[in-house]
Amino acid sequence: PQHLFDIANTVCSRHVEYRAYEKGDSFAIDVAWYTRDGERFRDLNWLEQNFAYGSKISQDKKTKKTLMNVSALKSRKIEITKNEKSEIIPIATINGKTSILKRIWVEVSDGHLKIPKVHYVDVFGVDVETGEDVTERIK
């Protein structure tokens, strides 16, 4: 699988990585926790899959595009596609610009019953038109 992007947060030194691989004429996603050294640590548990870091892949029948929804970024669809170098890349709208998604940062603190309270989400990417870095804070 090829690295797409990752999600990190304030309460854990590890991060969640999203990796993609081709599956027929579409893509499949592998999601797991990784250490700072890039070692796979463990798969997501049920709670993480369903409420924080899980992802769903769908195929847009009209456009033939592979679309991904990530729980941490419910408001955005991410298109999984290939660039001119045949690398699999995630395309999302960041701050109004079509961008290659690089990283998501979730600012959290311990909440009620050990359920983290999310304060905001920062999304980082690279504008596909200009190559400039783009960021957006979602509250």
Protein backbone atom coordinates (compact mmCIF):
# COMPACT_ATOMS: atom_id res chain seq x y z
CA PRO A 1 0.00 0.00 0.00
CA GLN A 2 1.02 3.58 -0.74
CA HIS A 3 0.88 6.32 1.94
CA LEU A 4 -1.91 8.86 1.37
CA PHE A 5 -2.10 11.02 4.51
CA ASP A 6 -2.17 10.76 8.28
CA ILE A 7 -4.10 12.03 11.27
CA ALA A 8 -2.39 12.96 14.52
CA ASN A 9 -3.71 14.49 17.74
CA THR A 10 -2.59 16.12 20.97
CA VAL A 11 -3.15 13.14 23.26
CA CYS A 12 -1.10 10.42 21.55
CA SER A 13 2.45 10.20 20.18
CA ARG A 14 1.34 7.71 17.52
CA HIS A 15 -0.63 8.65 14.40
CA VAL A 16 -3.18 7.01 12.12
CA GLU A 17 -2.02 6.42 8.55
CA TYR A 18 -4.23 5.98 5.51
CA ARG A 19 -2.65 3.90 2.77
CA ALA A 20 -4.19 2.97 -0.57
CA TYR A 21 -3.73 0.22 -3.08
CA GLU A 22 -5.36 -0.59 -6.38
CA LYS A 23 -8.24 -3.03 -6.34
CA GLY A 24 -9.45 -3.70 -9.85
CA ASP A 25 -10.44 -0.37 -11.39
CA SER A 26 -10.85 1.24 -7.96
CA PHE A 27 -8.84 1.66 -4.75
CA ALA A 28 -8.93 0.10 -1.30
CA ILE A 29 -7.76 1.78 1.90
CA ASP A 30 -5.70 0.35 4.75
CA VAL A 31 -5.96 2.32 8.01
CA ALA A 32 -3.86 1.63 11.13
CA TRP A 33 -1.93 3.22 13.98
CA TYR A 34 1.79 3.82 13.33
CA THR A 35 4.67 4.86 15.57
CA ARG A 36 6.78 7.96 14.92
CA ASP A 37 9.36 5.61 13.39
CA GLY A 38 6.85 4.44 10.79
CA GLU A 39 6.24 1.00 12.30
CA ARG A 40 2.71 -0.38 12.15
CA PHE A 41 1.48 -0.43 15.76
CA ARG A 42 -2.05 -1.86 15.58
CA ASP A 43 -5.32 -1.80 13.65
CA LEU A 44 -8.12 0.55 14.65
CA ASN A 45 -10.52 -0.69 17.31
CA TRP A 46 -14.29 -0.62 16.81
CA LEU A 47 -14.74 2.79 18.46
CA GLU A 48 -11.93 4.36 16.44
CA GLN A 49 -13.25 2.86 13.22
CA ASN A 50 -16.79 4.07 13.74
CA PHE A 51 -16.31 7.46 15.35
CA ALA A 52 -12.85 8.93 14.84
CA TYR A 53 -10.64 7.52 12.12
CA GLY A 54 -12.74 5.12 10.11
CA SER A 55 -13.17 5.57 6.39
CA LYS A 56 -15.68 4.50 3.80
CA ILE A 57 -14.92 4.10 0.10
CA SER A 58 -17.55 4.59 -2.60
CA GLN A 59 -17.56 4.65 -6.37
CA ASP A 60 -19.34 7.55 -8.13
CA LYS A 61 -21.08 5.70 -10.94
CA LYS A 62 -21.40 8.77 -13.20
CA THR A 63 -17.85 10.09 -12.94
CA LYS A 64 -16.17 6.72 -12.16
CA LYS A 65 -14.29 8.47 -9.32
CA THR A 66 -13.32 6.71 -6.10
CA LEU A 67 -14.50 8.79 -3.13
CA MET A 68 -13.54 8.40 0.50
CA ASN A 69 -15.20 9.70 3.64
CA VAL A 70 -13.16 9.94 6.85
CA SER A 71 -14.95 10.18 10.21
CA ALA A 72 -12.63 12.98 11.41
CA LEU A 73 -13.50 15.05 8.32
CA LYS A 74 -17.14 14.12 7.72
CA SER A 75 -17.90 17.37 5.89
CA ARG A 76 -15.48 16.59 3.04
CA LYS A 77 -15.28 13.93 0.39
CA ILE A 78 -11.75 12.93 -0.58
CA GLU A 79 -11.16 11.73 -4.12
CA ILE A 80 -8.62 8.93 -4.44
CA THR A 81 -6.95 9.12 -7.83
CA LYS A 82 -3.63 8.76 -9.63
CA ASN A 83 -1.35 11.61 -10.68
CA GLU A 84 0.73 11.77 -13.86
CA LYS A 85 3.47 9.71 -12.14
CA SER A 86 0.93 6.93 -11.39
CA GLU A 87 1.11 7.67 -7.64
CA ILE A 88 -2.13 7.28 -5.71
CA ILE A 89 -3.09 10.65 -4.19
CA PRO A 90 -5.95 12.05 -2.04
CA ILE A 91 -7.64 15.18 -3.46
CA ALA A 92 -9.76 17.37 -1.17
CA THR A 93 -11.00 20.93 -0.98
CA ILE A 94 -8.89 22.77 1.60
CA ASN A 95 -9.65 26.44 2.27
CA GLY A 96 -11.62 26.55 -1.01
CA LYS A 97 -8.74 25.15 -3.10
CA THR A 98 -8.46 21.78 -4.81
CA SER A 99 -5.53 20.25 -2.94
CA ILE A 100 -3.56 17.10 -2.28
CA LEU A 101 -4.39 16.20 1.32
CA LYS A 102 -1.21 15.66 3.38
CA ARG A 103 -2.14 15.68 7.05
CA ILE A 104 -4.96 16.23 9.53
CA TRP A 105 -4.28 17.48 13.07
CA VAL A 106 -7.00 17.10 15.71
CA GLU A 107 -6.71 19.32 18.79
CA VAL A 108 -8.33 17.36 21.62
CA SER A 109 -8.45 17.17 25.38
CA ASP A 110 -9.74 14.51 27.73
CA GLY A 111 -13.48 14.79 27.91
CA HIS A 112 -16.28 13.13 29.84
CA LEU A 113 -15.94 9.35 30.38
CA LYS A 114 -12.56 9.27 28.61
CA ILE A 115 -14.20 10.38 25.35
CA PRO A 116 -11.92 13.08 23.91
CA LYS A 117 -13.35 16.54 23.36
CA VAL A 118 -12.42 17.92 19.92
CA HIS A 119 -11.59 21.64 19.92
CA TYR A 120 -10.71 21.99 16.23
CA VAL A 121 -9.30 20.16 13.22
CA ASP A 122 -6.47 21.56 11.09
CA VAL A 123 -6.21 20.26 7.53
CA PHE A 124 -2.94 20.56 5.58
CA GLY A 125 -2.33 20.07 1.88
CA VAL A 126 -0.75 21.34 -1.32
CA ASP A 127 -2.71 23.37 -3.90
CA VAL A 128 -2.78 21.32 -7.13
CA GLU A 129 -2.67 24.48 -9.29
CA THR A 130 0.11 26.46 -7.59
CA GLY A 131 2.00 23.86 -5.54
CA GLU A 132 1.70 26.13 -2.49
CA ASP A 133 0.90 24.84 0.99
CA VAL A 134 -2.71 25.33 2.09
CA THR A 135 -4.26 24.97 5.53
CA GLU A 136 -7.74 25.25 6.98
CA ARG A 137 -9.01 25.18 10.55
CA ILE A 138 -12.39 23.55 11.04
CA LYS A 139 -14.16 24.14 14.36
